[in-house]
C-alpha atoms as a PDB file:
ATOM      1  CA  UNK A   1      74.445  -7.019  -6.988  1.00  0.00           C
ATOM      2  CA  UNK A   2      77.134  -6.648  -9.653  1.00  0.00           C
ATOM      3  CA  UNK A   3      76.866  -6.965 -13.417  1.00  0.00           C
ATOM      4  CA  UNK A   4      74.507  -5.856 -16.158  1.00  0.00           C
ATOM      5  CA  UNK A   5      72.197  -8.808 -15.525  1.00  0.00           C
ATOM      6  CA  UNK A   6      72.060  -8.698 -11.744  1.00  0.00           C
ATOM      7  CA  UNK A   7      70.538  -9.860  -9.524  1.00  0.00           C
ATOM      8  CA  UNK A   8      68.918 -12.590 -11.664  1.00  0.00           C
ATOM      9  CA  UNK A   9      72.064 -13.877 -13.398  1.00  0.00           C
ATOM     10  CA  UNK A  10      74.145 -13.647 -10.234  1.00  0.00           C
ATOM     11  CA  UNK A  11      71.682 -15.518  -8.034  1.00  0.00           C
ATOM     12  CA  UNK A  12      70.783 -18.124 -10.635  1.00  0.00           C
ATOM     13  CA  UNK A  13      74.483 -18.700 -11.396  1.00  0.00           C
ATOM     14  CA  UNK A  14      75.202 -19.092  -7.694  1.00  0.00           C
ATOM     15  CA  UNK A  15      72.379 -21.610  -7.402  1.00  0.00           C
ATOM     16  CA  UNK A  16      73.729 -23.595 -10.380  1.00  0.00           C
ATOM     17  CA  UNK A  17      77.189 -23.600  -8.784  1.00  0.00           C
ATOM     18  CA  UNK A  18      75.852 -25.095  -5.539  1.00  0.00           C
ATOM     19  CA  UNK A  19      74.999 -28.256  -7.466  1.00  0.00           C
ATOM     20  CA  UNK A  20      78.717 -28.790  -8.185  1.00  0.00           C
ATOM     21  CA  UNK A  21      80.101 -28.009  -4.741  1.00  0.00           C
ATOM     22  CA  UNK A  22      80.915 -30.421  -1.945  1.00  0.00           C
ATOM     23  CA  UNK A  23      79.041 -30.444   1.348  1.00  0.00           C
ATOM     24  CA  UNK A  24      81.743 -28.421   3.140  1.00  0.00           C
ATOM     25  CA  UNK A  25      81.879 -25.736   0.419  1.00  0.00           C
ATOM     26  CA  UNK A  26      79.544 -22.770   0.832  1.00  0.00           C
ATOM     27  CA  UNK A  27      78.654 -19.783  -1.322  1.00  0.00           C
ATOM     28  CA  UNK A  28      78.338 -16.465   0.499  1.00  0.00           C
ATOM     29  CA  UNK A  29      76.112 -13.891  -1.190  1.00  0.00           C
ATOM     30  CA  UNK A  30      77.247 -10.298  -0.626  1.00  0.00           C
ATOM     31  CA  UNK A  31      74.606  -7.653  -1.304  1.00  0.00           C
ATOM     32  CA  UNK A  32      71.055  -6.752  -0.366  1.00  0.00           C
ATOM     33  CA  UNK A  33      69.960  -9.780   1.649  1.00  0.00           C
ATOM     34  CA  UNK A  34      66.252  -8.930   1.333  1.00  0.00           C
ATOM     35  CA  UNK A  35      66.420  -8.789  -2.460  1.00  0.00           C
ATOM     36  CA  UNK A  36      68.354 -12.061  -2.586  1.00  0.00           C
ATOM     37  CA  UNK A  37      65.994 -13.949  -0.275  1.00  0.00           C
ATOM     38  CA  UNK A  38      62.914 -12.587  -2.057  1.00  0.00           C
ATOM     39  CA  UNK A  39      64.303 -13.715  -5.408  1.00  0.00           C
ATOM     40  CA  UNK A  40      65.204 -17.172  -4.074  1.00  0.00           C
ATOM     41  CA  UNK A  41      61.747 -17.548  -2.526  1.00  0.00           C
ATOM     42  CA  UNK A  42      60.115 -16.647  -5.872  1.00  0.00           C
ATOM     43  CA  UNK A  43      62.098 -19.462  -7.519  1.00  0.00           C
ATOM     44  CA  UNK A  44      61.314 -21.979  -4.755  1.00  0.00           C
ATOM     45  CA  UNK A  45      65.006 -22.152  -3.806  1.00  0.00           C
ATOM     46  CA  UNK A  46      65.862 -22.796  -0.161  1.00  0.00           C
ATOM     47  CA  UNK A  47      67.915 -19.772   0.939  1.00  0.00           C
ATOM     48  CA  UNK A  48      69.632 -21.821   3.671  1.00  0.00           C
ATOM     49  CA  UNK A  49      71.976 -23.291   1.041  1.00  0.00           C
ATOM     50  CA  UNK A  50      73.697 -19.890   1.058  1.00  0.00           C
ATOM     51  CA  UNK A  51      75.237 -17.630   3.658  1.00  0.00           C
ATOM     52  CA  UNK A  52      74.605 -13.896   3.461  1.00  0.00           C
ATOM     53  CA  UNK A  53      76.585 -10.724   4.128  1.00  0.00           C
ATOM     54  CA  UNK A  54      74.266  -7.739   3.907  1.00  0.00           C
ATOM     55  CA  UNK A  55      75.345  -4.680   1.914  1.00  0.00           C
ATOM     56  CA  UNK A  56      72.654  -2.141   1.082  1.00  0.00           C
ATOM     57  CA  UNK A  57      74.574   0.038  -1.391  1.00  0.00           C
ATOM     58  CA  UNK A  58      75.540  -0.719  -4.992  1.00  0.00           C
ATOM     59  CA  UNK A  59      78.258   0.696  -7.236  1.00  0.00           C
ATOM     60  CA  UNK A  60      76.745   0.886 -10.702  1.00  0.00           C
ATOM     61  CA  UNK A  61      78.698  -0.067 -13.812  1.00  0.00           C
ATOM     62  CA  UNK A  62      79.148   3.519 -15.016  1.00  0.00           C
ATOM     63  CA  UNK A  63      80.241   5.090 -11.717  1.00  0.00           C
ATOM     64  CA  UNK A  64      83.771   6.350 -11.114  1.00  0.00           C
ATOM     65  CA  UNK A  65      85.366   3.570  -9.081  1.00  0.00           C
ATOM     66  CA  UNK A  66      87.367   5.561  -6.525  1.00  0.00           C
ATOM     67  CA  UNK A  67      84.646   8.140  -5.888  1.00  0.00           C
ATOM     68  CA  UNK A  68      81.947   5.496  -5.526  1.00  0.00           C
ATOM     69  CA  UNK A  69      83.987   3.437  -3.082  1.00  0.00           C
ATOM     70  CA  UNK A  70      84.422   6.535  -0.928  1.00  0.00           C
ATOM     71  CA  UNK A  71      80.842   7.827  -1.158  1.00  0.00           C
ATOM     72  CA  UNK A  72      79.151   4.447  -0.673  1.00  0.00           C
ATOM     73  CA  UNK A  73      80.942   2.714   2.236  1.00  0.00           C
ATOM     74  CA  UNK A  74      78.282  -0.008   2.493  1.00  0.00           C
ATOM     75  CA  UNK A  75      78.535  -1.085  -1.140  1.00  0.00           C
ATOM     76  CA  UNK A  76      78.760  -4.804  -1.844  1.00  0.00           C
ATOM     77  CA  UNK A  77      82.272  -4.592  -3.322  1.00  0.00           C
ATOM     78  CA  UNK A  78      83.799  -2.878  -0.278  1.00  0.00           C
ATOM     79  CA  UNK A  79      81.939  -5.201   2.094  1.00  0.00           C
ATOM     80  CA  UNK A  80      83.124  -8.218   0.081  1.00  0.00           C
ATOM     81  CA  UNK A  81      86.750  -7.119   0.270  1.00  0.00           C
ATOM     82  CA  UNK A  82      86.428  -6.563   4.021  1.00  0.00           C
ATOM     83  CA  UNK A  83      85.106 -10.114   4.388  1.00  0.00           C
ATOM     84  CA  UNK A  84      88.045 -11.422   2.359  1.00  0.00           C
ATOM     85  CA  UNK A  85      90.559  -9.436   4.393  1.00  0.00           C
ATOM     86  CA  UNK A  86      88.968 -10.641   7.655  1.00  0.00           C
ATOM     87  CA  UNK A  87      89.143 -14.278   6.449  1.00  0.00           C
ATOM     88  CA  UNK A  88      85.349 -14.644   6.525  1.00  0.00           C
ATOM     89  CA  UNK A  89      85.520 -15.843   2.915  1.00  0.00           C
ATOM     90  CA  UNK A  90      88.310 -17.537   0.950  1.00  0.00           C
ATOM     91  CA  UNK A  91      87.661 -15.980  -2.458  1.00  0.00           C
ATOM     92  CA  UNK A  92      85.746 -12.887  -3.576  1.00  0.00           C
ATOM     93  CA  UNK A  93      84.167 -12.826  -7.047  1.00  0.00           C
ATOM     94  CA  UNK A  94      82.131 -10.159  -8.817  1.00  0.00           C
ATOM     95  CA  UNK A  95      80.887  -9.249 -12.282  1.00  0.00           C
ATOM     96  CA  UNK A  96      80.295  -5.695 -11.087  1.00  0.00           C
ATOM     97  CA  UNK A  97      82.237  -2.499 -11.693  1.00  0.00           C
ATOM     98  CA  UNK A  98      85.668  -3.806 -12.736  1.00  0.00           C
ATOM     99  CA  UNK A  99      87.387  -0.536 -11.844  1.00  0.00           C
ATOM    100  CA  UNK A 100      86.053  -0.779  -8.293  1.00  0.00           C
ATOM    101  CA  UNK A 101      87.179  -4.417  -8.113  1.00  0.00           C
ATOM    102  CA  UNK A 102      90.695  -3.469  -9.184  1.00  0.00           C
ATOM    103  CA  UNK A 103      90.894  -0.488  -6.833  1.00  0.00           C
ATOM    104  CA  UNK A 104      89.590  -2.674  -4.010  1.00  0.00           C
ATOM    105  CA  UNK A 105      92.131  -5.357  -4.819  1.00  0.00           C
ATOM    106  CA  UNK A 106      94.993  -2.896  -4.635  1.00  0.00           C
ATOM    107  CA  UNK A 107      93.943  -0.851  -1.607  1.00  0.00           C
ATOM    108  CA  UNK A 108      91.729  -3.154   0.481  1.00  0.00           C
ATOM    109  CA  UNK A 109      93.810  -6.296   0.051  1.00  0.00           C
ATOM    110  CA  UNK A 110      97.046  -4.953  -1.380  1.00  0.00           C
ATOM    111  CA  UNK A 111      99.719  -6.618  -3.510  1.00  0.00           C
ATOM    112  CA  UNK A 112     101.813  -9.520  -2.300  1.00  0.00           C
ATOM    113  CA  UNK A 113     105.144  -8.271  -1.012  1.00  0.00           C
ATOM    114  CA  UNK A 114     107.556  -8.090  -3.927  1.00  0.00           C
ATOM    115  CA  UNK A 115     104.900  -7.844  -6.646  1.00  0.00           C
ATOM    116  CA  UNK A 116     105.266  -4.539  -8.499  1.00  0.00           C
ATOM    117  CA  UNK A 117     101.979  -4.616 -10.421  1.00  0.00           C
ATOM    118  CA  UNK A 118      99.175  -7.192 -10.137  1.00  0.00           C
ATOM    119  CA  UNK A 119      97.867  -8.517 -13.429  1.00  0.00           C
ATOM    120  CA  UNK A 120      94.788 -10.032 -15.027  1.00  0.00           C
ATOM    121  CA  UNK A 121      94.793 -12.775 -17.627  1.00  0.00           C
ATOM    122  CA  UNK A 122      92.719 -14.208 -20.437  1.00  0.00           C
ATOM    123  CA  UNK A 123      92.476 -17.801 -21.598  1.00  0.00           C
ATOM    124  CA  UNK A 124      93.755 -18.682 -25.087  1.00  0.00           C
ATOM    125  CA  UNK A 125      91.951 -21.736 -26.511  1.00  0.00           C
ATOM    126  CA  UNK A 126      94.558 -23.905 -28.229  1.00  0.00           C
ATOM    127  CA  UNK A 127      94.053 -25.839 -31.457  1.00  0.00           C
ATOM    128  CA  UNK A 128      95.297 -28.993 -29.727  1.00  0.00           C
ATOM    129  CA  UNK A 129      92.385 -28.879 -27.266  1.00  0.00           C
ATOM    130  CA  UNK A 130      94.295 -27.329 -24.374  1.00  0.00           C
ATOM    131  CA  UNK A 131      94.432 -23.763 -23.136  1.00  0.00           C
ATOM    132  CA  UNK A 132      97.061 -21.095 -22.730  1.00  0.00           C
ATOM    133  CA  UNK A 133      97.149 -17.761 -20.927  1.00  0.00           C
ATOM    134  CA  UNK A 134      97.965 -14.210 -21.951  1.00  0.00           C
ATOM    135  CA  UNK A 135      98.786 -11.453 -19.477  1.00  0.00           C
ATOM    136  CA  UNK A 136      98.369  -8.607 -18.882  1.00  0.00           C
ATOM    137  CA  UNK A 137      95.101  -7.880 -20.703  1.00  0.00           C
ATOM    138  CA  UNK A 138      94.208  -4.401 -19.543  1.00  0.00           C
ATOM    139  CA  UNK A 139      95.236  -3.365 -16.053  1.00  0.00           C
ATOM    140  CA  UNK A 140      98.748  -2.182 -16.911  1.00  0.00           C
ATOM    141  CA  UNK A 141      98.727  -0.313 -20.214  1.00  0.00           C
ATOM    142  CA  UNK A 142     102.321   0.868 -19.718  1.00  0.00           C
ATOM    143  CA  UNK A 143     104.896  -1.526 -18.330  1.00  0.00           C
ATOM    144  CA  UNK A 144     108.599  -1.695 -17.572  1.00  0.00           C
ATOM    145  CA  UNK A 145     110.762  -4.774 -18.223  1.00  0.00           C
ATOM    146  CA  UNK A 146     110.775  -5.930 -14.589  1.00  0.00           C
ATOM    147  CA  UNK A 147     106.964  -5.816 -14.558  1.00  0.00           C
ATOM    148  CA  UNK A 148     106.730  -8.048 -17.641  1.00  0.00           C
ATOM    149  CA  UNK A 149     109.300 -10.345 -16.060  1.00  0.00           C
ATOM    150  CA  UNK A 150     107.018 -10.724 -13.038  1.00  0.00           C
ATOM    151  CA  UNK A 151     104.030 -11.382 -15.307  1.00  0.00           C
ATOM    152  CA  UNK A 152     105.950 -14.393 -16.620  1.00  0.00           C
ATOM    153  CA  UNK A 153     106.290 -15.728 -13.069  1.00  0.00           C
ATOM    154  CA  UNK A 154     102.641 -15.060 -12.169  1.00  0.00           C
ATOM    155  CA  UNK A 155     101.371 -16.591 -15.396  1.00  0.00           C
ATOM    156  CA  UNK A 156     103.566 -19.677 -15.026  1.00  0.00           C
ATOM    157  CA  UNK A 157     102.321 -20.314 -11.492  1.00  0.00           C
ATOM    158  CA  UNK A 158      98.695 -19.854 -12.539  1.00  0.00           C
ATOM    159  CA  UNK A 159      99.055 -22.143 -15.567  1.00  0.00           C
ATOM    160  CA  UNK A 160     100.815 -24.875 -13.601  1.00  0.00           C
ATOM    161  CA  UNK A 161      98.698 -24.892 -10.450  1.00  0.00           C
ATOM    162  CA  UNK A 162      95.205 -24.151 -11.766  1.00  0.00           C
ATOM    163  CA  UNK A 163      95.310 -25.444 -15.349  1.00  0.00           C
ATOM    164  CA  UNK A 164      97.762 -28.266 -14.570  1.00  0.00           C
ATOM    165  CA  UNK A 165     100.216 -27.321 -17.335  1.00  0.00           C
ATOM    166  CA  UNK A 166     103.546 -28.776 -16.267  1.00  0.00           C
ATOM    167  CA  UNK A 167     106.619 -26.600 -16.770  1.00  0.00           C
ATOM    168  CA  UNK A 168     104.642 -24.070 -18.881  1.00  0.00           C
ATOM    169  CA  UNK A 169     106.400 -22.567 -21.876  1.00  0.00           C
ATOM    170  CA  UNK A 170     106.621 -18.776 -21.633  1.00  0.00           C
ATOM    171  CA  UNK A 171     106.670 -16.662 -24.781  1.00  0.00           C
ATOM    172  CA  UNK A 172     107.143 -12.908 -25.125  1.00  0.00           C
ATOM    173  CA  UNK A 173     104.658 -11.402 -27.608  1.00  0.00           C
ATOM    174  CA  UNK A 174     106.643  -9.497 -30.217  1.00  0.00           C
ATOM    175  CA  UNK A 175     106.729  -8.431 -33.863  1.00  0.00           C
ATOM    176  CA  UNK A 176     109.298 -11.098 -34.737  1.00  0.00           C
ATOM    177  CA  UNK A 177     110.873 -14.246 -33.333  1.00  0.00           C
ATOM    178  CA  UNK A 178     114.480 -13.060 -33.462  1.00  0.00           C
ATOM    179  CA  UNK A 179     116.176 -12.084 -30.215  1.00  0.00           C
ATOM    180  CA  UNK A 180     116.814  -8.461 -31.220  1.00  0.00           C
ATOM    181  CA  UNK A 181     113.304  -7.733 -32.517  1.00  0.00           C
ATOM    182  CA  UNK A 182     110.780  -5.396 -30.946  1.00  0.00           C
ATOM    183  CA  UNK A 183     110.731  -2.099 -29.118  1.00  0.00           C
ATOM    184  CA  UNK A 184     112.927  -1.098 -26.188  1.00  0.00           C
ATOM    185  CA  UNK A 185     110.494  -2.724 -23.732  1.00  0.00           C
ATOM    186  CA  UNK A 186     110.450  -6.168 -25.331  1.00  0.00           C
ATOM    187  CA  UNK A 187     114.193  -6.157 -26.014  1.00  0.00           C
ATOM    188  CA  UNK A 188     114.989  -5.423 -22.369  1.00  0.00           C
ATOM    189  CA  UNK A 189     112.383  -7.916 -21.131  1.00  0.00           C
ATOM    190  CA  UNK A 190     113.853 -10.616 -23.365  1.00  0.00           C
ATOM    191  CA  UNK A 191     117.217 -10.250 -21.643  1.00  0.00           C
ATOM    192  CA  UNK A 192     115.639 -10.551 -18.193  1.00  0.00           C
ATOM    193  CA  UNK A 193     113.657 -13.649 -19.121  1.00  0.00           C
ATOM    194  CA  UNK A 194     116.483 -15.511 -20.838  1.00  0.00           C
ATOM    195  CA  UNK A 195     118.730 -15.056 -17.793  1.00  0.00           C
ATOM    196  CA  UNK A 196     116.288 -16.731 -15.372  1.00  0.00           C
ATOM    197  CA  UNK A 197     116.361 -20.514 -15.026  1.00  0.00           C
ATOM    198  CA  UNK A 198     113.153 -20.640 -12.958  1.00  0.00           C
ATOM    199  CA  UNK A 199     111.059 -19.789 -16.036  1.00  0.00           C
ATOM    200  CA  UNK A 200     110.733 -21.999 -19.106  1.00  0.00           C
ATOM    201  CA  UNK A 201     111.284 -19.098 -21.511  1.00  0.00           C
ATOM    202  CA  UNK A 202     111.096 -20.135 -25.170  1.00  0.00           C
ATOM    203  CA  UNK A 203     111.737 -16.680 -26.693  1.00  0.00           C
ATOM    204  CA  UNK A 204     109.653 -14.295 -28.751  1.00  0.00           C
ATOM    205  CA  UNK A 205     106.386 -15.375 -30.317  1.00  0.00           C
ATOM    206  CA  UNK A 206     104.292 -13.596 -32.920  1.00  0.00           C
ATOM    207  CA  UNK A 207     100.552 -13.046 -33.041  1.00  0.00           C
ATOM    208  CA  UNK A 208     100.129 -16.039 -35.340  1.00  0.00           C
ATOM    209  CA  UNK A 209     101.374 -18.327 -32.555  1.00  0.00           C
ATOM    210  CA  UNK A 210      98.810 -17.340 -29.921  1.00  0.00           C
ATOM    211  CA  UNK A 211      96.517 -20.300 -30.532  1.00  0.00           C
ATOM    212  CA  UNK A 212      99.003 -23.060 -31.321  1.00  0.00           C
ATOM    213  CA  UNK A 213     101.095 -24.948 -28.775  1.00  0.00           C
ATOM    214  CA  UNK A 214     104.287 -22.924 -29.148  1.00  0.00           C
ATOM    215  CA  UNK A 215     103.765 -21.169 -25.794  1.00  0.00           C
ATOM    216  CA  UNK A 216     101.527 -21.840 -22.783  1.00  0.00           C
ATOM    217  CA  UNK A 217     101.940 -18.406 -21.217  1.00  0.00           C
ATOM    218  CA  UNK A 218     102.139 -15.283 -23.388  1.00  0.00           C
ATOM    219  CA  UNK A 219     103.527 -12.137 -21.775  1.00  0.00           C
ATOM    220  CA  UNK A 220     102.802  -8.594 -22.978  1.00  0.00           C
ATOM    221  CA  UNK A 221     101.836  -5.161 -21.686  1.00  0.00           C
ATOM    222  CA  UNK A 222      98.182  -4.525 -20.887  1.00  0.00           C
ATOM    223  CA  UNK A 223      97.627  -2.295 -23.924  1.00  0.00           C
ATOM    224  CA  UNK A 224      98.701  -5.016 -26.345  1.00  0.00           C
ATOM    225  CA  UNK A 225      96.963  -7.770 -24.402  1.00  0.00           C
ATOM    226  CA  UNK A 226      93.655  -5.923 -24.331  1.00  0.00           C
ATOM    227  CA  UNK A 227      93.767  -5.418 -28.102  1.00  0.00           C
ATOM    228  CA  UNK A 228      94.369  -9.166 -28.528  1.00  0.00           C
ATOM    229  CA  UNK A 229      91.522  -9.993 -26.137  1.00  0.00           C
ATOM    230  CA  UNK A 230      88.988  -7.707 -27.824  1.00  0.00           C
ATOM    231  CA  UNK A 231      89.998  -8.967 -31.275  1.00  0.00           C
ATOM    232  CA  UNK A 232      89.435 -12.584 -30.208  1.00  0.00           C
ATOM    233  CA  UNK A 233      86.074 -11.646 -28.663  1.00  0.00           C
ATOM    234  CA  UNK A 234      85.019  -9.902 -31.880  1.00  0.00           C
ATOM    235  CA  UNK A 235      85.746 -13.021 -33.964  1.00  0.00           C
ATOM    236  CA  UNK A 236      83.581 -15.109 -31.651  1.00  0.00           C
ATOM    237  CA  UNK A 237      80.788 -12.518 -31.838  1.00  0.00           C
ATOM    238  CA  UNK A 238      80.922 -12.459 -35.652  1.00  0.00           C
ATOM    239  CA  UNK A 239      80.791 -16.255 -35.849  1.00  0.00           C
ATOM    240  CA  UNK A 240      77.906 -16.343 -33.385  1.00  0.00           C
ATOM    241  CA  UNK A 241      75.985 -13.662 -35.305  1.00  0.00           C
ATOM    242  CA  UNK A 242      76.391 -15.649 -38.513  1.00  0.00           C
ATOM    243  CA  UNK A 243      74.986 -18.672 -36.622  1.00  0.00           C
ATOM    244  CA  UNK A 244      78.034 -20.756 -37.425  1.00  0.00           C
ATOM    245  CA  UNK A 245      78.987 -23.543 -35.052  1.00  0.00           C
ATOM    246  CA  UNK A 246      82.482 -24.915 -34.732  1.00  0.00           C
ATOM    247  CA  UNK A 247      83.782 -26.887 -31.710  1.00  0.00           C
ATOM    248  CA  UNK A 248      87.030 -24.935 -31.653  1.00  0.00           C
ATOM    249  CA  UNK A 249      85.599 -21.431 -32.014  1.00  0.00           C
ATOM    250  CA  UNK A 250      82.849 -22.256 -29.513  1.00  0.00           C
ATOM    251  CA  UNK A 251      85.654 -22.347 -26.915  1.00  0.00           C
ATOM    252  CA  UNK A 252      86.130 -18.586 -27.354  1.00  0.00           C
ATOM    253  CA  UNK A 253      82.858 -18.044 -25.474  1.00  0.00           C
ATOM    254  CA  UNK A 254      83.743 -16.124 -22.289  1.00  0.00           C
ATOM    255  CA  UNK A 255      80.974 -17.945 -20.391  1.00  0.00           C
ATOM    256  CA  UNK A 256      83.082 -21.105 -20.245  1.00  0.00           C
ATOM    257  CA  UNK A 257      85.818 -19.432 -18.210  1.00  0.00           C
ATOM    258  CA  UNK A 258      83.689 -17.185 -16.010  1.00  0.00           C
ATOM    259  CA  UNK A 259      86.257 -14.650 -14.915  1.00  0.00           C
ATOM    260  CA  UNK A 260      89.897 -13.821 -14.374  1.00  0.00           C
ATOM    261  CA  UNK A 261      91.868 -13.765 -11.128  1.00  0.00           C
ATOM    262  CA  UNK A 262      93.775 -10.662 -10.111  1.00  0.00           C
ATOM    263  CA  UNK A 263      97.208 -12.250  -9.886  1.00  0.00           C
ATOM    264  CA  UNK A 264      99.622 -10.797  -7.370  1.00  0.00           C
ATOM    265  CA  UNK A 265      97.222  -9.429  -4.731  1.00  0.00           C
ATOM    266  CA  UNK A 266      97.205 -10.871  -1.219  1.00  0.00           C
ATOM    267  CA  UNK A 267      93.927 -12.760  -1.567  1.00  0.00           C
ATOM    268  CA  UNK A 268      91.831 -14.701  -4.068  1.00  0.00           C
ATOM    269  CA  UNK A 269      89.939 -12.161  -6.204  1.00  0.00           C
ATOM    270  CA  UNK A 270      88.013 -12.901  -9.402  1.00  0.00           C
ATOM    271  CA  UNK A 271      86.615 -10.352 -11.848  1.00  0.00           C
ATOM    272  CA  UNK A 272      83.860 -11.428 -14.211  1.00  0.00           C
ATOM    273  CA  UNK A 273      82.608  -9.879 -17.425  1.00  0.00           C
ATOM    274  CA  UNK A 274      79.996  -7.165 -16.876  1.00  0.00           C
ATOM    275  CA  UNK A 275      77.570  -8.933 -19.224  1.00  0.00           C
ATOM    276  CA  UNK A 276      77.937 -12.261 -17.413  1.00  0.00           C
ATOM    277  CA  UNK A 277      74.922 -14.546 -17.545  1.00  0.00           C
ATOM    278  CA  UNK A 278      74.167 -17.341 -15.079  1.00  0.00           C
ATOM    279  CA  UNK A 279      76.510 -19.792 -16.816  1.00  0.00           C
ATOM    280  CA  UNK A 280      79.431 -17.363 -16.620  1.00  0.00           C
ATOM    281  CA  UNK A 281      78.673 -16.637 -12.944  1.00  0.00           C
ATOM    282  CA  UNK A 282      78.571 -20.358 -12.179  1.00  0.00           C
ATOM    283  CA  UNK A 283      81.924 -20.956 -13.869  1.00  0.00           C
ATOM    284  CA  UNK A 284      83.485 -17.943 -12.130  1.00  0.00           C
ATOM    285  CA  UNK A 285      82.476 -19.397  -8.765  1.00  0.00           C
ATOM    286  CA  UNK A 286      83.878 -22.810  -9.688  1.00  0.00           C
ATOM    287  CA  UNK A 287      87.142 -21.205 -10.838  1.00  0.00           C
ATOM    288  CA  UNK A 288      87.294 -19.531  -7.440  1.00  0.00           C
ATOM    289  CA  UNK A 289      87.057 -22.951  -5.821  1.00  0.00           C
ATOM    290  CA  UNK A 290      89.995 -24.099  -7.959  1.00  0.00           C
ATOM    291  CA  UNK A 291      92.032 -21.086  -6.815  1.00  0.00           C
ATOM    292  CA  UNK A 292      91.436 -22.025  -3.194  1.00  0.00           C
ATOM    293  CA  UNK A 293      92.179 -25.732  -3.648  1.00  0.00           C
ATOM    294  CA  UNK A 294      95.352 -25.077  -5.661  1.00  0.00           C
ATOM    295  CA  UNK A 295      96.718 -22.779  -2.911  1.00  0.00           C
ATOM    296  CA  UNK A 296      97.895 -20.531  -5.744  1.00  0.00           C
ATOM    297  CA  UNK A 297      98.199 -17.453  -3.556  1.00  0.00           C
ATOM    298  CA  UNK A 298     100.560 -19.096  -1.064  1.00  0.00           C
ATOM    299  CA  UNK A 299     102.683 -20.388  -3.958  1.00  0.00           C
ATOM    300  CA  UNK A 300     102.928 -16.875  -5.403  1.00  0.00           C
ATOM    301  CA  UNK A 301     103.988 -15.580  -1.990  1.00  0.00           C
ATOM    302  CA  UNK A 302     106.676 -18.244  -1.789  1.00  0.00           C
ATOM    303  CA  UNK A 303     107.979 -17.389  -5.265  1.00  0.00           C
ATOM    304  CA  UNK A 304     108.246 -13.682  -4.432  1.00  0.00           C
ATOM    305  CA  UNK A 305     109.616 -14.110  -0.902  1.00  0.00           C
END
């Protein structure tokens, strides 16, 4: 039921994803079961290819997350998190109210023991054809050095286990490459990162290095990361509006990546873009499958034990 284009985009994206799943992999639709089955029937889609968890309330995109979660106990986001907590599902994904998804992640599932602040990431398309990651991109506007240090660990584990980047290079986003550059936050974080042998820290990187192969994981506070994310999205939008096509810039299309995991919570949670279409929903579901198969969550637990 979540997202600006629901339920059509959500249900059609789920149907497209079923075509790429194995026989023992099943999509569970959380929301109004009657609406879902009626829509599937209208498209001549056999509803038995899905499982259903009924939830008859919806948190709209403009509602206050905490208030809505409290006032609407049968909303699809709360019911989805309960299913995840009860091990009825292995990953919970939604393009609905992102605030409610984050609140649910923190209070329904909770952070992994030892994780100070969970984080969300964004993919950085690289000029060499690969991808990198930047985190945080909006959840944690203000951070302390130990939080950024943990982002480096979370990002490295995600890059290595889901995107198969071996020994990922970690860079700290800064206003200069030199060791002493930056504000008090980046200077203190630099010292923490350089003293840890478990992270392949390569030092400071500047904004001009985001899309080359200098670093695979870029660490920054959520304020800075969100500015970077929105700037990259705006370039793609401008290129698209001008009807220009370029294989590299086409990779900035959010639909390709589907969503972002909430790294550091005790369960597999994916948040999609509110404007997600069926292609983005499909790719978010498939990314969720990769999270499960990579056992990323258990590896994060081990790292923070």
